[in-house]
Amino acid sequence: MKAAPQLKAIFFRFFLLIILVCISSCKKTNPIENSLKSEAFVKTEKEEIEAFFFIATANVTKSIISKSQIAQQKSSDFAIQDLSRKTEIEQTELLQEVSKLANKKLIIITEINATHKRDLYDLIDSNITSFNKIYLTSMAESLKEQINLFESISKETNDKEILKIVLHYLPEQYQILREMQRINNEII
């Protein structure tokens, strides 16, 4: 009879030991699993800069495309209509290349800039007499923003595909900006 309480005490201690071992082993995580998790979610500063470039460039480009489409419908000046048509075509190509490269790098481009929408509303709401001036001013600001994005990313990255886009489109952006400034000077 005395053996039964001792057996119960031994069984109870053994049971507690098993529970402690299980609890402590549950707290430990697999080191391979930890390294995979950390590698999957680690972003370098370079990747963050490139992601910002893709998103900001896509947003500015979409804005320029929309402004160009509005100008084609609303402007009575042939030079502005022609330039806006050329700008829309070039910016659409740029947007396609930026989106393709962003997708390749697993970057999702979302529209997060409400400032560009305000510019579009201002263009839509402008009257016929002031439209050309508002359009040219707004486009010059957007093109300067896009040029600044191109220049800054060219200093920050050594990614060949991004630099190829910059080298292809930056001279064209300067050309469009000069042409818009020329037309703007003629309107004054």
N, C-alpha and C. Protein backbone atom coordinates (compact mmCIF):
# COMPACT_ATOMS: atom_id res chain seq x y z
N MET A 1 0.80 -1.18 0.00
CA MET A 1 0.00 0.00 0.00
C MET A 1 0.85 1.26 0.00
N LYS A 2 2.03 1.17 0.68
CA LYS A 2 2.89 2.33 0.73
C LYS A 2 3.51 2.60 -0.64
N ALA A 3 3.62 1.63 -1.47
CA ALA A 3 4.23 1.79 -2.78
C ALA A 3 3.33 2.59 -3.70
N ALA A 4 2.04 2.52 -3.52
CA ALA A 4 1.09 3.22 -4.39
C ALA A 4 1.26 4.73 -4.29
N PRO A 5 1.36 5.37 -3.10
CA PRO A 5 1.56 6.82 -3.05
C PRO A 5 2.92 7.21 -3.64
N GLN A 6 3.95 6.38 -3.42
CA GLN A 6 5.25 6.71 -3.99
C GLN A 6 5.21 6.62 -5.52
N LEU A 7 4.50 5.61 -6.00
CA LEU A 7 4.36 5.46 -7.45
C LEU A 7 3.60 6.64 -8.05
N LYS A 8 2.59 7.11 -7.33
CA LYS A 8 1.83 8.28 -7.78
C LYS A 8 2.74 9.50 -7.83
N ALA A 9 3.58 9.70 -6.82
CA ALA A 9 4.48 10.85 -6.75
C ALA A 9 5.51 10.79 -7.89
N ILE A 10 6.03 9.60 -8.18
CA ILE A 10 7.00 9.44 -9.26
C ILE A 10 6.32 9.73 -10.61
N PHE A 11 5.13 9.17 -10.77
CA PHE A 11 4.38 9.39 -12.01
C PHE A 11 4.06 10.88 -12.18
N PHE A 12 3.67 11.56 -11.10
CA PHE A 12 3.35 12.98 -11.12
C PHE A 12 4.59 13.80 -11.51
N ARG A 13 5.73 13.50 -10.92
CA ARG A 13 6.97 14.22 -11.24
C ARG A 13 7.38 13.98 -12.70
N PHE A 14 7.24 12.74 -13.14
CA PHE A 14 7.57 12.41 -14.52
C PHE A 14 6.65 13.17 -15.48
N PHE A 15 5.38 13.24 -15.14
CA PHE A 15 4.40 13.96 -15.94
C PHE A 15 4.75 15.46 -16.00
N LEU A 16 5.13 16.08 -14.87
CA LEU A 16 5.54 17.48 -14.83
C LEU A 16 6.80 17.72 -15.68
N LEU A 17 7.73 16.77 -15.59
CA LEU A 17 8.95 16.88 -16.38
C LEU A 17 8.65 16.86 -17.88
N ILE A 18 7.77 16.00 -18.29
CA ILE A 18 7.38 15.92 -19.71
C ILE A 18 6.70 17.22 -20.14
N ILE A 19 5.83 17.76 -19.32
CA ILE A 19 5.15 19.03 -19.64
C ILE A 19 6.16 20.17 -19.76
N LEU A 20 7.11 20.23 -18.83
CA LEU A 20 8.14 21.28 -18.90
C LEU A 20 8.99 21.16 -20.16
N VAL A 21 9.35 19.94 -20.51
CA VAL A 21 10.14 19.73 -21.71
C VAL A 21 9.34 20.14 -22.95
N CYS A 22 8.08 19.79 -22.97
CA CYS A 22 7.23 20.16 -24.12
C CYS A 22 7.07 21.67 -24.23
N ILE A 23 6.82 22.33 -23.12
CA ILE A 23 6.64 23.78 -23.12
C ILE A 23 7.92 24.47 -23.55
N SER A 24 9.04 24.05 -23.01
CA SER A 24 10.30 24.71 -23.38
C SER A 24 10.66 24.44 -24.83
N SER A 25 10.34 23.28 -25.35
CA SER A 25 10.65 22.99 -26.75
C SER A 25 9.70 23.74 -27.68
N CYS A 26 8.49 24.04 -27.23
CA CYS A 26 7.56 24.81 -28.05
C CYS A 26 8.03 26.25 -28.20
N LYS A 27 8.69 26.77 -27.21
CA LYS A 27 9.17 28.14 -27.27
C LYS A 27 10.34 28.29 -28.24
N LYS A 28 11.09 27.24 -28.41
CA LYS A 28 12.22 27.29 -29.33
C LYS A 28 11.68 27.22 -30.75
N THR A 29 12.28 28.01 -31.64
CA THR A 29 11.86 27.95 -33.03
C THR A 29 13.01 27.42 -33.86
N ASN A 30 12.64 26.92 -34.95
CA ASN A 30 13.59 26.34 -35.87
C ASN A 30 14.50 27.43 -36.43
N PRO A 31 15.82 27.31 -36.29
CA PRO A 31 16.72 28.36 -36.80
C PRO A 31 16.64 28.53 -38.32
N ILE A 32 16.37 27.48 -39.03
CA ILE A 32 16.23 27.57 -40.48
C ILE A 32 14.99 28.39 -40.81
N GLU A 33 13.91 28.11 -40.08
CA GLU A 33 12.67 28.85 -40.29
C GLU A 33 12.88 30.33 -39.98
N ASN A 34 13.59 30.63 -38.90
CA ASN A 34 13.86 32.03 -38.54
C ASN A 34 14.66 32.74 -39.63
N SER A 35 15.68 32.10 -40.17
CA SER A 35 16.49 32.76 -41.19
C SER A 35 15.69 32.99 -42.46
N LEU A 36 14.82 32.06 -42.82
CA LEU A 36 13.98 32.24 -44.00
C LEU A 36 13.01 33.40 -43.81
N LYS A 37 12.43 33.50 -42.61
CA LYS A 37 11.51 34.61 -42.34
C LYS A 37 12.24 35.94 -42.42
N SER A 38 13.40 36.03 -41.83
CA SER A 38 14.12 37.31 -41.83
C SER A 38 14.59 37.66 -43.23
N GLU A 39 14.99 36.68 -44.03
CA GLU A 39 15.42 36.96 -45.39
C GLU A 39 14.25 37.41 -46.25
N ALA A 40 13.07 36.86 -46.01
CA ALA A 40 11.91 37.20 -46.83
C ALA A 40 11.45 38.63 -46.60
N PHE A 41 11.64 39.17 -45.43
CA PHE A 41 11.11 40.48 -45.12
C PHE A 41 12.16 41.57 -44.92
N VAL A 42 13.39 41.27 -45.16
CA VAL A 42 14.43 42.28 -45.01
C VAL A 42 14.48 43.10 -46.28
N LYS A 43 14.43 44.41 -46.12
CA LYS A 43 14.57 45.32 -47.25
C LYS A 43 15.81 46.14 -47.03
N THR A 44 16.53 46.31 -48.09
CA THR A 44 17.69 47.18 -47.98
C THR A 44 17.25 48.60 -48.32
N GLU A 45 18.10 49.54 -47.98
CA GLU A 45 17.81 50.95 -48.29
C GLU A 45 17.69 51.13 -49.81
N LYS A 46 18.53 50.42 -50.55
CA LYS A 46 18.50 50.50 -52.01
C LYS A 46 17.14 50.05 -52.54
N GLU A 47 16.61 48.97 -52.00
CA GLU A 47 15.31 48.46 -52.44
C GLU A 47 14.19 49.45 -52.11
N GLU A 48 14.28 50.09 -50.96
CA GLU A 48 13.27 51.08 -50.59
C GLU A 48 13.33 52.29 -51.51
N ILE A 49 14.53 52.73 -51.84
CA ILE A 49 14.69 53.88 -52.75
C ILE A 49 14.14 53.53 -54.12
N GLU A 50 14.43 52.34 -54.60
CA GLU A 50 13.93 51.93 -55.91
C GLU A 50 12.41 51.79 -55.90
N ALA A 51 11.85 51.24 -54.83
CA ALA A 51 10.39 51.12 -54.73
C ALA A 51 9.74 52.50 -54.75
N PHE A 52 10.31 53.44 -54.00
CA PHE A 52 9.79 54.81 -54.01
C PHE A 52 9.87 55.39 -55.42
N PHE A 53 10.98 55.17 -56.10
CA PHE A 53 11.15 55.67 -57.47
C PHE A 53 10.05 55.14 -58.38
N PHE A 54 9.80 53.83 -58.35
CA PHE A 54 8.79 53.23 -59.22
C PHE A 54 7.40 53.81 -58.93
N ILE A 55 7.05 53.89 -57.66
CA ILE A 55 5.72 54.38 -57.30
C ILE A 55 5.56 55.85 -57.65
N ALA A 56 6.54 56.67 -57.29
CA ALA A 56 6.46 58.11 -57.57
C ALA A 56 6.48 58.37 -59.07
N THR A 57 7.33 57.67 -59.81
CA THR A 57 7.40 57.87 -61.25
C THR A 57 6.08 57.46 -61.92
N ALA A 58 5.52 56.35 -61.50
CA ALA A 58 4.25 55.90 -62.08
C ALA A 58 3.14 56.92 -61.79
N ASN A 59 3.11 57.45 -60.58
CA ASN A 59 2.07 58.42 -60.24
C ASN A 59 2.22 59.72 -61.04
N VAL A 60 3.42 60.23 -61.16
CA VAL A 60 3.65 61.46 -61.94
C VAL A 60 3.32 61.19 -63.40
N THR A 61 3.73 60.04 -63.90
CA THR A 61 3.49 59.70 -65.30
C THR A 61 1.99 59.59 -65.59
N LYS A 62 1.25 58.95 -64.69
CA LYS A 62 -0.20 58.86 -64.86
C LYS A 62 -0.83 60.25 -64.89
N SER A 63 -0.34 61.12 -64.03
CA SER A 63 -0.84 62.49 -63.99
C SER A 63 -0.56 63.23 -65.30
N ILE A 64 0.65 63.08 -65.82
CA ILE A 64 1.01 63.73 -67.08
C ILE A 64 0.15 63.20 -68.22
N ILE A 65 -0.09 61.90 -68.23
CA ILE A 65 -0.94 61.31 -69.27
C ILE A 65 -2.35 61.90 -69.20
N SER A 66 -2.90 61.98 -68.00
CA SER A 66 -4.26 62.52 -67.83
C SER A 66 -4.32 63.99 -68.26
N LYS A 67 -3.33 64.76 -67.87
CA LYS A 67 -3.29 66.18 -68.26
C LYS A 67 -3.19 66.31 -69.77
N SER A 68 -2.40 65.46 -70.39
CA SER A 68 -2.26 65.50 -71.85
C SER A 68 -3.57 65.17 -72.54
N GLN A 69 -4.30 64.21 -72.00
CA GLN A 69 -5.59 63.84 -72.59
C GLN A 69 -6.60 64.98 -72.45
N ILE A 70 -6.58 65.64 -71.31
CA ILE A 70 -7.48 66.78 -71.11
C ILE A 70 -7.12 67.90 -72.09
N ALA A 71 -5.84 68.16 -72.27
CA ALA A 71 -5.39 69.22 -73.19
C ALA A 71 -5.82 68.92 -74.62
N GLN A 72 -5.77 67.68 -75.02
CA GLN A 72 -6.18 67.32 -76.38
C GLN A 72 -7.66 67.62 -76.60
N GLN A 73 -8.45 67.51 -75.56
CA GLN A 73 -9.89 67.75 -75.68
C GLN A 73 -10.25 69.22 -75.49
N LYS A 74 -9.53 69.89 -74.61
CA LYS A 74 -9.96 71.21 -74.17
C LYS A 74 -9.23 72.38 -74.82
N SER A 75 -8.00 72.19 -75.25
CA SER A 75 -7.23 73.30 -75.81
C SER A 75 -7.61 73.56 -77.27
N SER A 76 -7.65 74.83 -77.62
CA SER A 76 -7.91 75.19 -79.02
C SER A 76 -6.62 75.50 -79.77
N ASP A 77 -5.50 75.48 -79.05
CA ASP A 77 -4.19 75.77 -79.65
C ASP A 77 -3.63 74.48 -80.26
N PHE A 78 -3.35 74.53 -81.57
CA PHE A 78 -2.84 73.34 -82.28
C PHE A 78 -1.50 72.87 -81.71
N ALA A 79 -0.61 73.80 -81.38
CA ALA A 79 0.71 73.43 -80.86
C ALA A 79 0.57 72.67 -79.54
N ILE A 80 -0.34 73.10 -78.69
CA ILE A 80 -0.56 72.41 -77.40
C ILE A 80 -1.19 71.04 -77.64
N GLN A 81 -2.14 70.96 -78.54
CA GLN A 81 -2.77 69.67 -78.84
C GLN A 81 -1.74 68.68 -79.38
N ASP A 82 -0.89 69.15 -80.29
CA ASP A 82 0.12 68.29 -80.89
C ASP A 82 1.13 67.83 -79.85
N LEU A 83 1.63 68.77 -79.05
CA LEU A 83 2.61 68.41 -78.01
C LEU A 83 1.98 67.49 -76.97
N SER A 84 0.74 67.73 -76.61
CA SER A 84 0.09 66.86 -75.62
C SER A 84 -0.12 65.45 -76.16
N ARG A 85 -0.37 65.33 -77.45
CA ARG A 85 -0.51 64.02 -78.08
C ARG A 85 0.82 63.26 -78.02
N LYS A 86 1.91 63.95 -78.40
CA LYS A 86 3.24 63.33 -78.34
C LYS A 86 3.61 62.96 -76.91
N THR A 87 3.28 63.86 -75.99
CA THR A 87 3.60 63.62 -74.58
C THR A 87 2.85 62.40 -74.05
N GLU A 88 1.58 62.30 -74.42
CA GLU A 88 0.78 61.15 -73.97
C GLU A 88 1.39 59.84 -74.46
N ILE A 89 1.78 59.80 -75.71
CA ILE A 89 2.37 58.57 -76.28
C ILE A 89 3.66 58.21 -75.55
N GLU A 90 4.54 59.19 -75.37
CA GLU A 90 5.82 58.93 -74.72
C GLU A 90 5.63 58.50 -73.26
N GLN A 91 4.73 59.19 -72.56
CA GLN A 91 4.50 58.88 -71.15
C GLN A 91 3.83 57.52 -70.98
N THR A 92 3.00 57.13 -71.91
CA THR A 92 2.38 55.80 -71.85
C THR A 92 3.44 54.72 -72.01
N GLU A 93 4.38 54.94 -72.93
CA GLU A 93 5.49 53.99 -73.08
C GLU A 93 6.33 53.92 -71.81
N LEU A 94 6.61 55.08 -71.23
CA LEU A 94 7.37 55.13 -69.98
C LEU A 94 6.64 54.38 -68.88
N LEU A 95 5.36 54.62 -68.74
CA LEU A 95 4.57 53.94 -67.70
C LEU A 95 4.60 52.43 -67.89
N GLN A 96 4.51 51.98 -69.13
CA GLN A 96 4.56 50.54 -69.40
C GLN A 96 5.91 49.95 -69.00
N GLU A 97 6.99 50.65 -69.32
CA GLU A 97 8.32 50.16 -68.96
C GLU A 97 8.53 50.16 -67.45
N VAL A 98 8.11 51.23 -66.79
CA VAL A 98 8.26 51.31 -65.33
C VAL A 98 7.43 50.22 -64.65
N SER A 99 6.20 50.04 -65.11
CA SER A 99 5.32 49.01 -64.52
C SER A 99 5.89 47.61 -64.74
N LYS A 100 6.40 47.36 -65.93
CA LYS A 100 6.98 46.04 -66.25
C LYS A 100 8.19 45.75 -65.34
N LEU A 101 9.06 46.74 -65.19
CA LEU A 101 10.24 46.55 -64.36
C LEU A 101 9.86 46.42 -62.88
N ALA A 102 8.88 47.21 -62.44
CA ALA A 102 8.42 47.12 -61.05
C ALA A 102 7.83 45.74 -60.77
N ASN A 103 7.03 45.24 -61.70
CA ASN A 103 6.46 43.89 -61.53
C ASN A 103 7.56 42.84 -61.48
N LYS A 104 8.57 43.01 -62.30
CA LYS A 104 9.70 42.07 -62.29
C LYS A 104 10.39 42.06 -60.94
N LYS A 105 10.43 43.23 -60.28
CA LYS A 105 11.07 43.35 -58.97
C LYS A 105 10.07 43.14 -57.82
N LEU A 106 8.86 42.70 -58.18
CA LEU A 106 7.79 42.42 -57.22
C LEU A 106 7.38 43.66 -56.42
N ILE A 107 7.34 44.80 -57.09
CA ILE A 107 6.90 46.04 -56.48
C ILE A 107 5.52 46.36 -57.02
N ILE A 108 4.58 46.57 -56.11
CA ILE A 108 3.22 46.89 -56.51
C ILE A 108 3.07 48.41 -56.54
N ILE A 109 2.66 48.92 -57.68
CA ILE A 109 2.48 50.36 -57.83
C ILE A 109 1.04 50.71 -57.50
N THR A 110 0.91 51.55 -56.49
CA THR A 110 -0.42 52.02 -56.11
C THR A 110 -0.47 53.52 -56.26
N GLU A 111 -1.65 54.03 -56.52
CA GLU A 111 -1.79 55.47 -56.65
C GLU A 111 -2.03 56.05 -55.27
N ILE A 112 -1.04 56.78 -54.76
CA ILE A 112 -1.14 57.30 -53.40
C ILE A 112 -1.01 58.81 -53.33
N ASN A 113 -0.85 59.46 -54.48
CA ASN A 113 -0.60 60.90 -54.45
C ASN A 113 -1.84 61.66 -54.86
N ALA A 114 -2.50 62.30 -53.90
CA ALA A 114 -3.72 63.05 -54.15
C ALA A 114 -3.44 64.43 -54.76
N THR A 115 -2.22 64.91 -54.66
CA THR A 115 -1.87 66.23 -55.20
C THR A 115 -2.10 66.27 -56.70
N HIS A 116 -1.76 65.18 -57.39
CA HIS A 116 -1.93 65.14 -58.83
C HIS A 116 -3.41 65.22 -59.21
N LYS A 117 -4.27 64.65 -58.40
CA LYS A 117 -5.70 64.72 -58.68
C LYS A 117 -6.20 66.16 -58.60
N ARG A 118 -5.66 66.92 -57.64
CA ARG A 118 -6.05 68.33 -57.51
C ARG A 118 -5.70 69.09 -58.77
N ASP A 119 -4.51 68.83 -59.33
CA ASP A 119 -4.10 69.46 -60.59
C ASP A 119 -5.08 69.13 -61.71
N LEU A 120 -5.53 67.89 -61.76
CA LEU A 120 -6.47 67.48 -62.80
C LEU A 120 -7.80 68.21 -62.65
N TYR A 121 -8.27 68.31 -61.42
CA TYR A 121 -9.53 69.03 -61.19
C TYR A 121 -9.40 70.49 -61.58
N ASP A 122 -8.26 71.10 -61.28
CA ASP A 122 -8.03 72.50 -61.66
C ASP A 122 -8.07 72.66 -63.17
N LEU A 123 -7.49 71.71 -63.89
CA LEU A 123 -7.51 71.78 -65.35
C LEU A 123 -8.93 71.63 -65.90
N ILE A 124 -9.64 70.67 -65.37
CA ILE A 124 -11.00 70.42 -65.84
C ILE A 124 -11.89 71.62 -65.57
N ASP A 125 -11.71 72.24 -64.41
CA ASP A 125 -12.56 73.37 -64.01
C ASP A 125 -12.16 74.69 -64.65
N SER A 126 -10.98 74.76 -65.26
CA SER A 126 -10.54 76.04 -65.83
C SER A 126 -11.37 76.41 -67.05
N ASN A 127 -11.48 77.73 -67.29
CA ASN A 127 -12.22 78.16 -68.47
C ASN A 127 -11.31 78.12 -69.69
N ILE A 128 -11.89 78.26 -70.85
CA ILE A 128 -11.17 78.13 -72.11
C ILE A 128 -10.04 79.16 -72.22
N THR A 129 -10.26 80.37 -71.75
CA THR A 129 -9.24 81.41 -71.91
C THR A 129 -8.02 81.17 -71.04
N SER A 130 -8.20 80.60 -69.87
CA SER A 130 -7.06 80.39 -68.96
C SER A 130 -6.50 78.97 -69.02
N PHE A 131 -7.14 78.09 -69.77
CA PHE A 131 -6.74 76.68 -69.78
C PHE A 131 -5.29 76.49 -70.21
N ASN A 132 -4.90 77.08 -71.33
CA ASN A 132 -3.55 76.84 -71.87
C ASN A 132 -2.47 77.21 -70.87
N LYS A 133 -2.64 78.35 -70.20
CA LYS A 133 -1.65 78.79 -69.22
C LYS A 133 -1.60 77.83 -68.03
N ILE A 134 -2.76 77.45 -67.52
CA ILE A 134 -2.83 76.52 -66.38
C ILE A 134 -2.23 75.17 -66.77
N TYR A 135 -2.56 74.71 -67.96
CA TYR A 135 -2.04 73.42 -68.44
C TYR A 135 -0.52 73.44 -68.54
N LEU A 136 0.02 74.45 -69.19
CA LEU A 136 1.47 74.53 -69.39
C LEU A 136 2.21 74.65 -68.06
N THR A 137 1.67 75.42 -67.14
CA THR A 137 2.29 75.57 -65.82
C THR A 137 2.26 74.25 -65.06
N SER A 138 1.11 73.60 -65.07
CA SER A 138 0.95 72.33 -64.36
C SER A 138 1.84 71.24 -64.96
N MET A 139 1.91 71.19 -66.28
CA MET A 139 2.75 70.19 -66.94
C MET A 139 4.23 70.45 -66.66
N ALA A 140 4.64 71.72 -66.66
CA ALA A 140 6.04 72.04 -66.37
C ALA A 140 6.41 71.57 -64.97
N GLU A 141 5.52 71.76 -64.01
CA GLU A 141 5.77 71.29 -62.63
C GLU A 141 5.89 69.77 -62.59
N SER A 142 4.99 69.08 -63.27
CA SER A 142 5.02 67.62 -63.28
C SER A 142 6.28 67.09 -63.96
N LEU A 143 6.64 67.71 -65.08
CA LEU A 143 7.85 67.27 -65.78
C LEU A 143 9.10 67.52 -64.93
N LYS A 144 9.14 68.65 -64.24
CA LYS A 144 10.28 68.93 -63.36
C LYS A 144 10.35 67.89 -62.24
N GLU A 145 9.19 67.50 -61.71
CA GLU A 145 9.16 66.47 -60.67
C GLU A 145 9.68 65.14 -61.22
N GLN A 146 9.26 64.80 -62.42
CA GLN A 146 9.71 63.56 -63.05
C GLN A 146 11.21 63.61 -63.33
N ILE A 147 11.69 64.73 -63.81
CA ILE A 147 13.13 64.91 -64.07
C ILE A 147 13.92 64.76 -62.77
N ASN A 148 13.43 65.36 -61.69
CA ASN A 148 14.10 65.22 -60.39
C ASN A 148 14.14 63.77 -59.93
N LEU A 149 13.06 63.03 -60.15
CA LEU A 149 13.04 61.61 -59.80
C LEU A 149 14.11 60.85 -60.60
N PHE A 150 14.18 61.12 -61.90
CA PHE A 150 15.17 60.45 -62.75
C PHE A 150 16.59 60.78 -62.31
N GLU A 151 16.83 62.05 -62.04
CA GLU A 151 18.19 62.46 -61.65
C GLU A 151 18.58 61.87 -60.30
N SER A 152 17.64 61.85 -59.37
CA SER A 152 17.99 61.33 -58.04
C SER A 152 18.21 59.82 -58.07
N ILE A 153 17.38 59.08 -58.82
CA ILE A 153 17.57 57.62 -58.86
C ILE A 153 18.86 57.28 -59.59
N SER A 154 19.25 58.09 -60.56
CA SER A 154 20.50 57.79 -61.28
C SER A 154 21.71 57.93 -60.36
N LYS A 155 21.58 58.73 -59.30
CA LYS A 155 22.67 58.88 -58.33
C LYS A 155 22.62 57.80 -57.25
N GLU A 156 21.43 57.25 -57.02
CA GLU A 156 21.22 56.32 -55.91
C GLU A 156 21.36 54.85 -56.27
N THR A 157 21.22 54.53 -57.54
CA THR A 157 21.20 53.10 -57.90
C THR A 157 22.26 52.80 -58.95
N ASN A 158 22.60 51.53 -59.02
CA ASN A 158 23.47 51.05 -60.10
C ASN A 158 22.75 49.96 -60.89
N ASP A 159 21.43 49.88 -60.70
CA ASP A 159 20.61 48.91 -61.41
C ASP A 159 20.60 49.29 -62.90
N LYS A 160 21.07 48.39 -63.73
CA LYS A 160 21.22 48.68 -65.16
C LYS A 160 19.89 48.94 -65.86
N GLU A 161 18.86 48.22 -65.46
CA GLU A 161 17.57 48.41 -66.12
C GLU A 161 16.95 49.77 -65.78
N ILE A 162 17.09 50.19 -64.54
CA ILE A 162 16.59 51.51 -64.15
C ILE A 162 17.39 52.59 -64.86
N LEU A 163 18.69 52.46 -64.88
CA LEU A 163 19.54 53.45 -65.56
C LEU A 163 19.25 53.52 -67.05
N LYS A 164 18.91 52.39 -67.64
CA LYS A 164 18.56 52.36 -69.06
C LYS A 164 17.30 53.19 -69.30
N ILE A 165 16.31 53.05 -68.44
CA ILE A 165 15.08 53.85 -68.55
C ILE A 165 15.40 55.33 -68.41
N VAL A 166 16.20 55.65 -67.40
CA VAL A 166 16.57 57.04 -67.16
C VAL A 166 17.29 57.63 -68.37
N LEU A 167 18.26 56.90 -68.89
CA LEU A 167 19.03 57.40 -70.03
C LEU A 167 18.17 57.56 -71.28
N HIS A 168 17.17 56.74 -71.41
CA HIS A 168 16.29 56.83 -72.58
C HIS A 168 15.31 58.00 -72.45
N TYR A 169 14.70 58.15 -71.27
CA TYR A 169 13.60 59.11 -71.13
C TYR A 169 14.00 60.49 -70.60
N LEU A 170 15.09 60.60 -69.89
CA LEU A 170 15.47 61.91 -69.33
C LEU A 170 15.69 62.97 -70.41
N PRO A 171 16.42 62.68 -71.48
CA PRO A 171 16.57 63.70 -72.52
C PRO A 171 15.22 64.10 -73.15
N GLU A 172 14.34 63.12 -73.31
CA GLU A 172 13.01 63.41 -73.87
C GLU A 172 12.21 64.32 -72.94
N GLN A 173 12.34 64.11 -71.63
CA GLN A 173 11.62 64.96 -70.67
C GLN A 173 12.11 66.40 -70.75
N TYR A 174 13.42 66.56 -70.86
CA TYR A 174 13.98 67.91 -71.01
C TYR A 174 13.48 68.56 -72.30
N GLN A 175 13.40 67.78 -73.37
CA GLN A 175 12.93 68.32 -74.66
C GLN A 175 11.47 68.77 -74.55
N ILE A 176 10.64 67.96 -73.94
CA ILE A 176 9.23 68.33 -73.78
C ILE A 176 9.11 69.58 -72.90
N LEU A 177 9.88 69.62 -71.84
CA LEU A 177 9.85 70.79 -70.94
C LEU A 177 10.25 72.06 -71.70
N ARG A 178 11.30 71.99 -72.49
CA ARG A 178 11.73 73.16 -73.28
C ARG A 178 10.64 73.58 -74.27
N GLU A 179 10.03 72.61 -74.91
CA GLU A 179 8.96 72.90 -75.87
C GLU A 179 7.76 73.56 -75.17
N MET A 180 7.42 73.08 -74.01
CA MET A 180 6.31 73.69 -73.26
C MET A 180 6.65 75.11 -72.83
N GLN A 181 7.88 75.31 -72.41
CA GLN A 181 8.29 76.66 -72.03
C GLN A 181 8.28 77.60 -73.24
N ARG A 182 8.66 77.09 -74.40
CA ARG A 182 8.63 77.89 -75.62
C ARG A 182 7.19 78.30 -75.96
N ILE A 183 6.27 77.33 -75.90
CA ILE A 183 4.86 77.63 -76.19
C ILE A 183 4.31 78.59 -75.16
N ASN A 184 4.68 78.40 -73.91
CA ASN A 184 4.22 79.29 -72.83
C ASN A 184 4.69 80.72 -73.08
N ASN A 185 5.95 80.88 -73.52
CA ASN A 185 6.47 82.21 -73.83
C ASN A 185 5.73 82.85 -75.00
N GLU A 186 5.32 82.06 -75.95
CA GLU A 186 4.57 82.58 -77.10
C GLU A 186 3.17 83.04 -76.69
N ILE A 187 2.59 82.38 -75.72
CA ILE A 187 1.24 82.74 -75.26
C ILE A 187 1.26 84.06 -74.50
N ILE A 188 2.36 84.31 -73.78
CA ILE A 188 2.46 85.55 -72.98
C ILE A 188 2.50 86.72 -73.83
